[in-house]
Amino acid sequence: MTATVTDPLAALAAINGRKRIVLVDGYGLAFRAFYGLPQTLSTTQGEPTNATFGFTSMLLDVLRVHRPDYIVISFDVGKTFRHEQFEDYKAHRAPMPEEMQVQMGRIREVIDALNIPVYEAHGFEADDVIGTLSRQASALGLLTLVVTGDSDLLQLVDENVIVILPGAQRFGEYRVYDVDAVIARYGFEPERIPEYKALVGDKSDNIPGVPGIGEKTAKALIQQFPSLEAMYEHVDEITPTRARNAIADNREVAFQSRELATVVRDVPVLLELERCVVADYDREKALALFRTLEFRHLASRLPDSVREEVTPPPAEASQQAVPELVLDDAALRSLAEEIAAAPMIALDVETDGTHPVMSNLVGIAIATAPDRAFYVPVRHASDPVVDITVAQRFLAEPLRSHPKVVTHHGKFDLAVLDRHGFDGITIEFDTMLAAYLLGVNSIGLKDLAFNRLGWEMTSITDLIGTGRSQITMDHVPLDDVAN
């Protein structure tokens, strides 16, 4: 079976009640991210982030979709016993690109901010560490999900281990392998993958294999014989002659290739589950790093922390105001007076669409000071509103005559307001234009609020939904819109 990250995964449905651990191949995901996303991705300050962003996105996807109880990440560290056995092992691989190398520190910071333990072992690859931890997890009764960019780890798949590989076509898609899926791909059981590579070799790892043996012949031989040893015990039965001679003449190469391709499962590491609890992290620490990296869209996907969070009081300069609903003449009159007296006001509109000419005005948001905010609803389906002509009578002139009006994407706001009787307003300053002129990458209001002020604004999709179930803003509860 294969599946995307949005599927419920039929392979996991049968293990309800079993706790799950995710074992992540760190470099496998990092390389997939680096080559899967444009290398032009960077922060406003020019720091490259495509590998960091992609790695973090895939990691959060796994946590969100598969909801593991535990998680571990493993990285390769230097040369391994395979290099000692075979001098040319991975010898043809180019060094890590400098553009990726400079991001590995940030990836480690993300892992640290999420408090995910890193397991490494000198002399062994991350694959070996993951293989060992998966065996220990099975002994503890856990279901293991191995997340990697390397199909070598498919050999670990069994009734307790499922492997998740990034999709071959589009970034963000995943292929999920249980035993049946591996058999469907190769034609034989997962544990025989090293024997397959003993015959065909592995170009990515520079494992030689048997010269002249291709995929079709290798699969047929594995299906014919129960093991590589049996293949050599009955070498005279192999057909055609060309394949028989190739096998017979390369016995040492075949067995060495199998050993190089086999994941070691007795590395000296010990799985300590108390270190591996998912979401046992300081969310504010993670958010601070995400702000530095300008990962606002990923912040909303952070898991809820299992720790008892102590929220520090916001700094006075960034104190968010509690919005007041303006629903009657007295409140309108008071707001008009406050607008007239304020040295500067901020203005925003809510509409039932995204086109400035076709959309209807739903409400007007006004701030007269850092701690003074108001929402004037004029079009809500099931909540009390202000008649728009009454709102015009009280507010049109104070807004029109105010010398310092601040907006974000004010061109849209003024087009909507002008069509609804609030014409002639002059914008003093627009934060979207300012961000653009300063070279900021993400100039949306929510991005700027997150990156500059540390505020996580409510996503529009949280209010109106998506797809067929999507509603318009005038059908969202009034209090939610005001906030």
Protein backbone atom coordinates (compact mmCIF):
# COMPACT_ATOMS: atom_id res chain seq x y z
CA MET A 1 0.00 0.00 0.00
CA THR A 2 1.02 3.59 -0.49
CA ALA A 3 -0.57 6.67 1.01
CA THR A 4 -0.19 10.40 1.28
CA VAL A 5 0.22 12.21 4.56
CA THR A 6 -3.48 13.09 4.60
CA ASP A 7 -4.67 9.47 4.49
CA PRO A 8 -5.88 7.74 7.67
CA LEU A 9 -3.46 4.91 6.83
CA ALA A 10 -5.26 1.61 6.80
CA ALA A 11 -2.03 -0.08 7.87
CA LEU A 12 -2.20 1.73 11.20
CA ALA A 13 -5.88 1.16 11.82
CA ALA A 14 -5.31 -2.35 13.09
CA ILE A 15 -2.99 -1.30 15.90
CA ASN A 16 -5.34 0.90 17.93
CA GLY A 17 -4.28 0.87 21.53
CA ARG A 18 -0.58 0.28 20.80
CA LYS A 19 1.78 3.10 21.57
CA ARG A 20 3.86 4.39 18.68
CA ILE A 21 7.40 5.60 18.32
CA VAL A 22 8.75 7.54 15.35
CA LEU A 23 12.39 7.02 14.40
CA VAL A 24 13.62 9.75 12.05
CA ASP A 25 16.58 9.48 9.68
CA GLY A 26 17.87 13.03 10.18
CA TYR A 27 20.07 13.41 7.12
CA GLY A 28 17.57 11.51 4.98
CA LEU A 29 14.91 14.13 5.69
CA ALA A 30 17.35 17.03 5.49
CA PHE A 31 18.61 16.04 2.02
CA ARG A 32 15.06 15.46 0.82
CA ALA A 33 14.12 18.94 2.04
CA PHE A 34 17.18 20.61 0.53
CA TYR A 35 16.67 19.13 -2.93
CA GLY A 36 12.88 19.19 -2.78
CA LEU A 37 12.41 22.93 -2.14
CA PRO A 38 13.77 25.96 -3.99
CA GLN A 39 17.17 27.04 -2.74
CA THR A 40 15.97 30.63 -2.98
CA LEU A 41 14.01 30.24 0.28
CA SER A 42 15.58 32.51 2.87
CA THR A 43 14.80 34.87 5.71
CA THR A 44 14.53 38.61 5.19
CA GLN A 45 18.14 38.87 6.38
CA GLY A 46 19.23 36.45 3.64
CA GLU A 47 19.75 33.29 5.73
CA PRO A 48 18.97 30.21 3.55
CA THR A 49 16.14 28.12 4.99
CA ASN A 50 14.90 25.64 2.37
CA ALA A 51 16.41 22.59 4.11
CA THR A 52 15.45 23.83 7.57
CA PHE A 53 11.90 24.69 6.50
CA GLY A 54 11.38 21.42 4.64
CA PHE A 55 12.84 19.31 7.44
CA THR A 56 10.66 21.05 10.03
CA SER A 57 7.56 20.82 7.86
CA MET A 58 7.95 17.08 7.30
CA LEU A 59 8.68 16.50 10.99
CA LEU A 60 5.55 18.39 12.08
CA ASP A 61 3.48 16.55 9.46
CA VAL A 62 4.51 13.22 10.94
CA LEU A 63 3.65 14.37 14.45
CA ARG A 64 0.28 15.74 13.34
CA VAL A 65 -0.85 12.84 11.20
CA HIS A 66 0.54 9.81 13.02
CA ARG A 67 0.34 11.15 16.58
CA PRO A 68 3.23 9.12 18.01
CA ASP A 69 3.83 8.81 21.72
CA TYR A 70 7.61 8.89 21.37
CA ILE A 71 10.12 10.24 18.87
CA VAL A 72 13.87 9.91 18.21
CA ILE A 73 16.12 11.40 15.52
CA SER A 74 19.39 9.84 14.39
CA PHE A 75 22.27 11.25 12.32
CA ASP A 76 25.34 9.69 10.71
CA VAL A 77 28.61 10.54 12.44
CA GLY A 78 31.78 10.08 10.40
CA LYS A 79 33.04 6.91 8.78
CA THR A 80 31.62 3.50 9.71
CA PHE A 81 32.72 -0.13 9.83
CA ARG A 82 31.53 -0.40 6.22
CA HIS A 83 34.25 2.00 5.09
CA GLU A 84 36.81 -0.25 6.79
CA GLN A 85 35.41 -3.34 5.07
CA PHE A 86 35.12 -1.72 1.64
CA GLU A 87 37.30 1.27 0.89
CA ASP A 88 35.06 2.50 -1.94
CA TYR A 89 31.86 2.48 0.12
CA LYS A 90 30.02 5.72 -0.77
CA ALA A 91 33.33 6.97 -2.18
CA HIS A 92 31.74 8.58 -5.22
CA ARG A 93 29.35 10.75 -3.20
CA ALA A 94 29.90 14.47 -3.47
CA PRO A 95 30.35 16.38 -0.21
CA MET A 96 27.30 18.03 1.31
CA PRO A 97 26.55 21.29 -0.54
CA GLU A 98 27.71 24.33 1.39
CA GLU A 99 24.19 25.82 1.09
CA MET A 100 22.89 22.80 3.02
CA GLN A 101 25.81 22.55 5.42
CA VAL A 102 25.13 26.04 6.77
CA GLN A 103 21.56 24.97 7.59
CA MET A 104 22.40 21.86 9.59
CA GLY A 105 23.04 23.95 12.70
CA ARG A 106 19.56 25.44 12.42
CA ILE A 107 18.05 21.98 11.94
CA ARG A 108 19.76 20.90 15.15
CA GLU A 109 18.32 24.00 16.84
CA VAL A 110 14.81 23.02 15.72
CA ILE A 111 15.32 19.51 17.11
CA ASP A 112 16.62 20.96 20.37
CA ALA A 113 13.74 23.44 20.63
CA LEU A 114 11.28 20.54 20.27
CA ASN A 115 13.30 18.59 22.87
CA ILE A 116 13.66 15.57 20.60
CA PRO A 117 16.55 13.28 21.62
CA VAL A 118 19.26 12.58 19.04
CA TYR A 119 20.76 9.08 19.02
CA GLU A 120 24.12 8.60 17.29
CA ALA A 121 26.84 5.97 17.39
CA HIS A 122 30.39 6.37 16.11
CA GLY A 123 31.34 3.66 13.64
CA PHE A 124 27.71 3.11 12.60
CA GLU A 125 25.24 4.80 10.30
CA ALA A 126 21.94 6.31 11.38
CA ASP A 127 20.30 3.33 9.63
CA ASP A 128 22.00 0.98 12.08
CA VAL A 129 20.94 3.06 15.07
CA ILE A 130 17.36 3.13 13.77
CA GLY A 131 17.43 -0.62 13.13
CA THR A 132 18.63 -1.25 16.68
CA LEU A 133 16.08 1.08 18.26
CA SER A 134 13.27 -0.45 16.21
CA ARG A 135 14.17 -3.89 17.55
CA GLN A 136 14.20 -2.57 21.11
CA ALA A 137 10.87 -0.78 20.53
CA SER A 138 9.30 -4.01 19.26
CA ALA A 139 10.48 -5.80 22.39
CA LEU A 140 8.68 -3.11 24.40
CA GLY A 141 5.45 -3.70 22.48
CA LEU A 142 5.58 -0.47 20.48
CA LEU A 143 4.65 0.09 16.87
CA THR A 144 7.58 1.78 15.11
CA LEU A 145 7.24 4.31 12.29
CA VAL A 146 10.55 4.87 10.52
CA VAL A 147 10.67 8.18 8.64
CA THR A 148 13.47 8.31 6.11
CA GLY A 149 14.44 9.35 2.62
CA ASP A 150 16.37 6.10 2.10
CA SER A 151 14.68 2.96 0.77
CA ASP A 152 17.45 0.84 2.38
CA LEU A 153 15.43 0.93 5.59
CA LEU A 154 12.53 -0.93 3.97
CA GLN A 155 14.36 -4.08 5.07
CA LEU A 156 13.25 -3.30 8.64
CA VAL A 157 9.55 -3.58 7.83
CA ASP A 158 7.67 -6.29 9.71
CA GLU A 159 4.51 -6.62 11.76
CA ASN A 160 5.91 -4.07 14.22
CA VAL A 161 7.68 -1.65 11.87
CA ILE A 162 6.27 0.61 9.14
CA VAL A 163 8.49 2.79 6.94
CA ILE A 164 7.42 6.21 5.64
CA LEU A 165 9.26 7.60 2.59
CA PRO A 166 8.79 11.04 1.04
CA GLY A 167 6.91 10.94 -2.25
CA ALA A 168 8.90 10.67 -5.46
CA GLN A 169 6.99 13.43 -7.27
CA ARG A 170 5.80 16.21 -5.01
CA PHE A 171 7.26 17.56 -1.79
CA GLY A 172 4.88 16.97 1.12
CA GLU A 173 3.59 13.61 -0.14
CA TYR A 174 4.54 10.36 1.55
CA ARG A 175 4.61 6.67 0.72
CA VAL A 176 3.81 4.30 3.57
CA TYR A 177 5.15 0.77 3.54
CA ASP A 178 4.00 -2.20 5.52
CA VAL A 179 4.98 -5.79 4.63
CA ASP A 180 2.40 -6.06 1.85
CA ALA A 181 3.57 -2.79 0.30
CA VAL A 182 7.21 -3.94 0.24
CA ILE A 183 6.22 -7.23 -1.38
CA ALA A 184 4.14 -5.33 -3.95
CA ARG A 185 7.17 -3.16 -4.79
CA TYR A 186 9.89 -5.82 -4.92
CA GLY A 187 8.15 -9.18 -5.22
CA PHE A 188 9.67 -10.57 -2.02
CA GLU A 189 9.74 -10.00 1.76
CA PRO A 190 11.46 -6.98 3.36
CA GLU A 191 14.20 -8.97 5.07
CA ARG A 192 15.51 -10.13 1.70
CA ILE A 193 16.28 -6.63 0.42
CA PRO A 194 20.00 -6.97 1.38
CA GLU A 195 20.20 -10.11 -0.79
CA TYR A 196 18.60 -8.21 -3.64
CA LYS A 197 21.24 -5.50 -3.30
CA ALA A 198 23.92 -8.18 -3.08
CA LEU A 199 22.94 -9.12 -6.63
CA VAL A 200 22.08 -5.79 -8.29
CA GLY A 201 24.29 -3.54 -6.15
CA ASP A 202 23.40 -0.04 -5.00
CA LYS A 203 24.73 2.91 -6.98
CA SER A 204 23.87 5.44 -4.27
CA ASP A 205 26.10 3.64 -1.73
CA ASN A 206 28.60 2.36 -4.32
CA ILE A 207 27.85 -1.26 -3.40
CA PRO A 208 29.10 -3.30 -6.38
CA GLY A 209 26.74 -6.28 -6.53
CA VAL A 210 27.20 -9.05 -9.10
CA PRO A 211 28.21 -7.70 -12.53
CA GLY A 212 25.64 -8.46 -15.20
CA ILE A 213 22.74 -9.19 -12.83
CA GLY A 214 19.83 -6.81 -13.33
CA GLU A 215 16.66 -6.21 -11.33
CA LYS A 216 14.50 -8.73 -13.21
CA THR A 217 17.01 -11.58 -12.84
CA ALA A 218 17.69 -10.73 -9.20
CA LYS A 219 14.00 -10.83 -8.31
CA ALA A 220 13.57 -14.16 -10.07
CA LEU A 221 16.55 -15.67 -8.23
CA ILE A 222 15.33 -14.45 -4.84
CA GLN A 223 11.90 -15.91 -5.53
CA GLN A 224 13.52 -19.20 -6.62
CA PHE A 225 15.93 -19.64 -3.69
CA PRO A 226 15.24 -19.11 0.03
CA SER A 227 18.62 -17.43 0.70
CA LEU A 228 21.87 -16.29 -0.88
CA GLU A 229 23.55 -19.35 0.63
CA ALA A 230 20.99 -21.62 -1.03
CA MET A 231 21.58 -19.84 -4.31
CA TYR A 232 25.26 -20.82 -4.20
CA GLU A 233 24.55 -24.33 -2.97
CA HIS A 234 22.42 -24.85 -6.06
CA VAL A 235 24.30 -22.60 -8.46
CA ASP A 236 24.16 -25.27 -11.18
CA GLU A 237 20.37 -24.88 -11.27
CA ILE A 238 20.50 -21.19 -12.17
CA THR A 239 19.43 -20.25 -15.65
CA PRO A 240 20.27 -18.74 -18.05
CA THR A 241 23.93 -19.67 -18.37
CA ARG A 242 25.02 -16.04 -18.37
CA ALA A 243 23.41 -15.46 -14.97
CA ARG A 244 24.79 -18.75 -13.60
CA ASN A 245 28.34 -17.83 -14.58
CA ALA A 246 27.99 -14.30 -13.15
CA ILE A 247 26.79 -15.68 -9.82
CA ALA A 248 29.42 -18.41 -9.68
CA ASP A 249 32.30 -16.07 -10.50
CA ASN A 250 31.38 -13.38 -7.94
CA ARG A 251 30.65 -15.23 -4.71
CA GLU A 252 32.90 -13.04 -2.55
CA VAL A 253 31.49 -9.83 -4.07
CA ALA A 254 27.90 -11.00 -3.52
CA PHE A 255 28.39 -11.83 0.16
CA GLN A 256 30.35 -8.66 0.81
CA SER A 257 27.65 -6.60 -0.92
CA ARG A 258 24.98 -8.25 1.23
CA GLU A 259 26.90 -7.41 4.39
CA LEU A 260 27.35 -3.79 3.29
CA ALA A 261 23.61 -3.50 2.53
CA THR A 262 22.43 -5.12 5.77
CA VAL A 263 21.29 -2.79 8.56
CA VAL A 264 22.98 -3.69 11.84
CA ARG A 265 20.51 -4.15 14.69
CA ASP A 266 22.79 -4.52 17.71
CA VAL A 267 24.43 -1.09 17.94
CA PRO A 268 25.43 -0.15 21.53
CA VAL A 269 22.55 2.31 22.12
CA LEU A 270 19.69 2.00 24.57
CA LEU A 271 16.17 3.29 23.98
CA GLU A 272 15.14 5.42 26.98
CA LEU A 273 11.45 6.17 26.47
CA GLU A 274 11.26 8.80 29.20
CA ARG A 275 13.60 10.97 27.08
CA CYS A 276 11.53 10.48 23.94
CA VAL A 277 8.06 11.70 24.93
CA VAL A 278 6.47 13.70 22.13
CA ALA A 279 5.67 17.36 22.79
CA ASP A 280 7.59 17.49 26.06
CA TYR A 281 9.04 20.85 25.11
CA ASP A 282 9.04 24.57 25.82
CA ARG A 283 6.64 26.00 23.23
CA GLU A 284 7.80 29.57 23.78
CA LYS A 285 11.39 28.55 23.05
CA ALA A 286 10.24 26.91 19.81
CA LEU A 287 8.18 29.96 18.84
CA ALA A 288 11.15 32.25 19.44
CA LEU A 289 13.24 30.18 17.01
CA PHE A 290 10.38 30.06 14.48
CA ARG A 291 10.17 33.86 14.62
CA THR A 292 13.88 34.13 13.88
CA LEU A 293 13.48 31.75 10.94
CA GLU A 294 10.22 33.46 9.85
CA PHE A 295 8.32 30.14 10.02
CA ARG A 296 4.93 31.63 10.91
CA HIS A 297 3.01 29.08 8.86
CA LEU A 298 4.76 26.23 10.66
CA ALA A 299 4.13 27.69 14.13
CA SER A 300 0.43 26.88 13.87
CA ARG A 301 1.36 23.22 13.35
CA LEU A 302 3.39 22.89 16.53
CA PRO A 303 1.92 20.22 18.83
CA ASP A 304 0.44 21.27 22.14
CA SER A 305 3.10 20.96 24.80
CA VAL A 306 2.52 18.35 27.51
CA ARG A 307 4.38 20.59 29.91
CA GLU A 308 2.54 22.98 32.18
CA GLU A 309 3.24 26.21 30.35
CA VAL A 310 4.01 29.36 32.26
CA THR A 311 3.06 32.20 29.94
CA PRO A 312 5.12 35.30 30.61
CA PRO A 313 3.20 38.57 30.70
CA PRO A 314 3.52 40.39 27.37
CA ALA A 315 5.74 43.41 27.22
CA GLU A 316 3.90 46.68 27.64
CA ALA A 317 4.84 47.86 24.16
CA SER A 318 3.24 44.82 22.55
CA GLN A 319 0.16 44.55 24.78
CA GLN A 320 -2.77 43.33 22.70
CA ALA A 321 -5.99 45.23 23.19
CA VAL A 322 -9.28 43.51 24.03
CA PRO A 323 -11.71 44.53 21.26
CA GLU A 324 -14.92 46.31 22.19
CA LEU A 325 -18.05 45.63 20.14
CA VAL A 326 -19.82 48.78 18.96
CA LEU A 327 -23.55 48.00 18.66
CA ASP A 328 -25.61 51.13 19.46
CA ASP A 329 -25.75 54.89 18.97
CA ALA A 330 -24.09 55.66 22.29
CA ALA A 331 -21.13 53.43 21.51
CA LEU A 332 -20.87 54.90 18.00
CA ARG A 333 -20.90 58.45 19.35
CA SER A 334 -18.23 57.59 21.92
CA LEU A 335 -16.06 55.94 19.24
CA ALA A 336 -16.40 58.95 16.94
CA GLU A 337 -15.19 61.24 19.73
CA GLU A 338 -12.29 58.93 20.50
CA ILE A 339 -11.27 58.82 16.83
CA ALA A 340 -11.28 62.61 16.65
CA ALA A 341 -9.11 62.90 19.76
CA ALA A 342 -6.60 60.18 18.86
CA PRO A 343 -3.27 61.33 17.37
CA MET A 344 -3.18 58.21 15.18
CA ILE A 345 -5.63 55.40 14.38
CA ALA A 346 -5.35 51.99 12.73
CA LEU A 347 -8.07 50.83 10.35
CA ASP A 348 -9.03 47.44 8.91
CA VAL A 349 -12.11 45.94 7.28
CA GLU A 350 -13.72 42.52 7.20
CA THR A 351 -15.55 41.45 4.04
CA ASP A 352 -17.40 38.43 2.69
CA GLY A 353 -14.93 38.01 -0.18
CA THR A 354 -11.48 38.85 -1.47
CA HIS A 355 -12.32 41.13 -4.39
CA PRO A 356 -12.45 44.83 -3.43
CA VAL A 357 -15.22 45.62 -5.94
CA MET A 358 -17.36 42.51 -5.55
CA SER A 359 -17.16 42.02 -1.77
CA ASN A 360 -19.62 43.30 0.83
CA LEU A 361 -18.46 45.14 3.93
CA VAL A 362 -18.97 42.94 7.01
CA GLY A 363 -17.38 45.11 9.68
CA ILE A 364 -14.85 47.83 10.46
CA ALA A 365 -12.03 47.43 12.98
CA ILE A 366 -10.49 50.56 14.50
CA ALA A 367 -7.70 51.06 17.03
CA THR A 368 -7.25 54.46 18.64
CA ALA A 369 -4.33 53.52 20.91
CA PRO A 370 -2.17 50.45 21.61
CA ASP A 371 -4.70 49.30 24.19
CA ARG A 372 -7.93 50.60 22.58
CA ALA A 373 -9.58 48.54 19.82
CA PHE A 374 -13.14 48.47 18.47
CA TYR A 375 -15.17 46.39 16.03
CA VAL A 376 -18.24 47.81 14.27
CA PRO A 377 -20.29 44.98 12.68
CA VAL A 378 -22.57 45.98 9.81
CA ARG A 379 -23.32 42.62 8.17
CA HIS A 380 -23.52 39.42 10.26
CA ALA A 381 -26.02 36.66 9.56
CA SER A 382 -27.10 35.68 13.06
CA ASP A 383 -25.71 38.38 15.37
CA PRO A 384 -26.76 41.97 16.16
CA VAL A 385 -25.25 44.57 13.85
CA VAL A 386 -25.21 48.32 13.33
CA ASP A 387 -27.25 49.64 10.42
CA ILE A 388 -24.68 50.77 7.89
CA THR A 389 -26.36 54.15 7.35
CA VAL A 390 -26.17 54.80 11.10
CA ALA A 391 -22.48 53.80 11.11
CA GLN A 392 -21.90 56.22 8.22
CA ARG A 393 -23.62 59.04 10.08
CA PHE A 394 -21.36 58.71 13.12
CA LEU A 395 -18.04 57.52 11.68
CA ALA A 396 -17.65 58.66 8.06
CA GLU A 397 -16.61 62.21 8.83
CA PRO A 398 -14.18 61.43 11.73
CA LEU A 399 -12.46 58.85 9.52
CA ARG A 400 -12.40 61.16 6.50
CA SER A 401 -10.90 64.07 8.40
CA HIS A 402 -8.33 62.14 10.45
CA PRO A 403 -4.77 63.10 9.43
CA LYS A 404 -2.99 59.88 10.49
CA VAL A 405 -4.68 56.65 9.45
CA VAL A 406 -2.56 53.48 9.45
CA THR A 407 -3.57 50.39 7.43
CA HIS A 408 -2.23 47.09 6.17
CA HIS A 409 -3.00 46.68 2.45
CA GLY A 410 -5.03 49.86 2.67
CA LYS A 411 -5.72 49.92 -1.08
CA PHE A 412 -8.19 47.08 -0.54
CA ASP A 413 -9.70 48.64 2.58
CA LEU A 414 -10.31 52.03 0.96
CA ALA A 415 -11.87 50.48 -2.14
CA VAL A 416 -14.37 48.59 0.03
CA LEU A 417 -15.08 51.52 2.36
CA ASP A 418 -15.56 53.96 -0.52
CA ARG A 419 -18.22 51.71 -2.06
CA HIS A 420 -20.08 51.57 1.27
CA GLY A 421 -20.29 55.29 1.99
CA PHE A 422 -17.02 55.82 3.88
CA ASP A 423 -15.26 57.77 1.16
CA GLY A 424 -12.40 60.26 1.20
CA ILE A 425 -10.23 58.56 3.82
CA THR A 426 -6.50 59.31 3.46
CA ILE A 427 -3.84 56.79 4.45
CA GLU A 428 -0.81 58.14 6.32
CA PHE A 429 1.11 54.84 6.58
CA ASP A 430 0.68 51.24 5.29
CA THR A 431 2.59 48.45 7.05
CA MET A 432 2.41 46.12 4.04
CA LEU A 433 4.04 48.69 1.77
CA ALA A 434 6.63 49.48 4.43
CA ALA A 435 7.51 45.79 4.81
CA TYR A 436 7.82 45.46 1.03
CA LEU A 437 10.12 48.47 0.80
CA LEU A 438 12.28 47.07 3.60
CA GLY A 439 12.71 43.82 1.64
CA VAL A 440 10.73 41.63 4.05
CA ASN A 441 9.96 38.24 2.50
CA SER A 442 6.57 37.61 4.08
CA ILE A 443 4.55 40.84 4.15
CA GLY A 444 1.17 39.41 5.23
CA LEU A 445 -0.29 40.86 8.40
CA LYS A 446 -0.17 37.52 10.24
CA ASP A 447 3.45 36.98 9.21
CA LEU A 448 4.52 40.43 10.39
CA ALA A 449 2.58 40.10 13.65
CA PHE A 450 4.30 36.77 14.34
CA ASN A 451 7.81 37.71 13.22
CA ARG A 452 7.90 41.27 14.66
CA LEU A 453 5.58 41.12 17.68
CA GLY A 454 5.47 37.44 18.57
CA TRP A 455 1.68 37.28 18.15
CA GLU A 456 -0.04 34.21 16.72
CA MET A 457 -3.07 35.64 14.97
CA THR A 458 -6.05 33.39 14.25
CA SER A 459 -5.76 31.79 10.83
CA ILE A 460 -8.51 32.72 8.38
CA THR A 461 -9.12 29.03 7.72
CA ASP A 462 -9.79 28.52 11.44
CA LEU A 463 -12.64 31.04 11.08
CA ILE A 464 -14.18 30.21 7.71
CA GLY A 465 -12.90 26.68 7.03
CA THR A 466 -11.78 25.32 3.69
CA GLY A 467 -13.18 23.52 0.67
CA ARG A 468 -16.86 22.70 0.44
CA SER A 469 -17.47 23.51 4.09
CA GLN A 470 -16.02 27.01 3.79
CA ILE A 471 -18.27 29.88 4.89
CA THR A 472 -17.97 33.64 4.48
CA MET A 473 -16.95 36.03 7.24
CA ASP A 474 -20.51 37.28 7.79
CA HIS A 475 -21.44 33.78 9.02
CA VAL A 476 -18.65 33.57 11.59
CA PRO A 477 -19.73 34.25 15.21
CA LEU A 478 -19.35 37.93 16.00
CA ASP A 479 -17.00 37.51 18.96
CA ASP A 480 -14.63 35.40 16.88
CA VAL A 481 -14.50 38.01 14.14
CA ALA A 482 -13.93 40.80 16.64
CA ASN A 483 -10.94 38.99 18.14
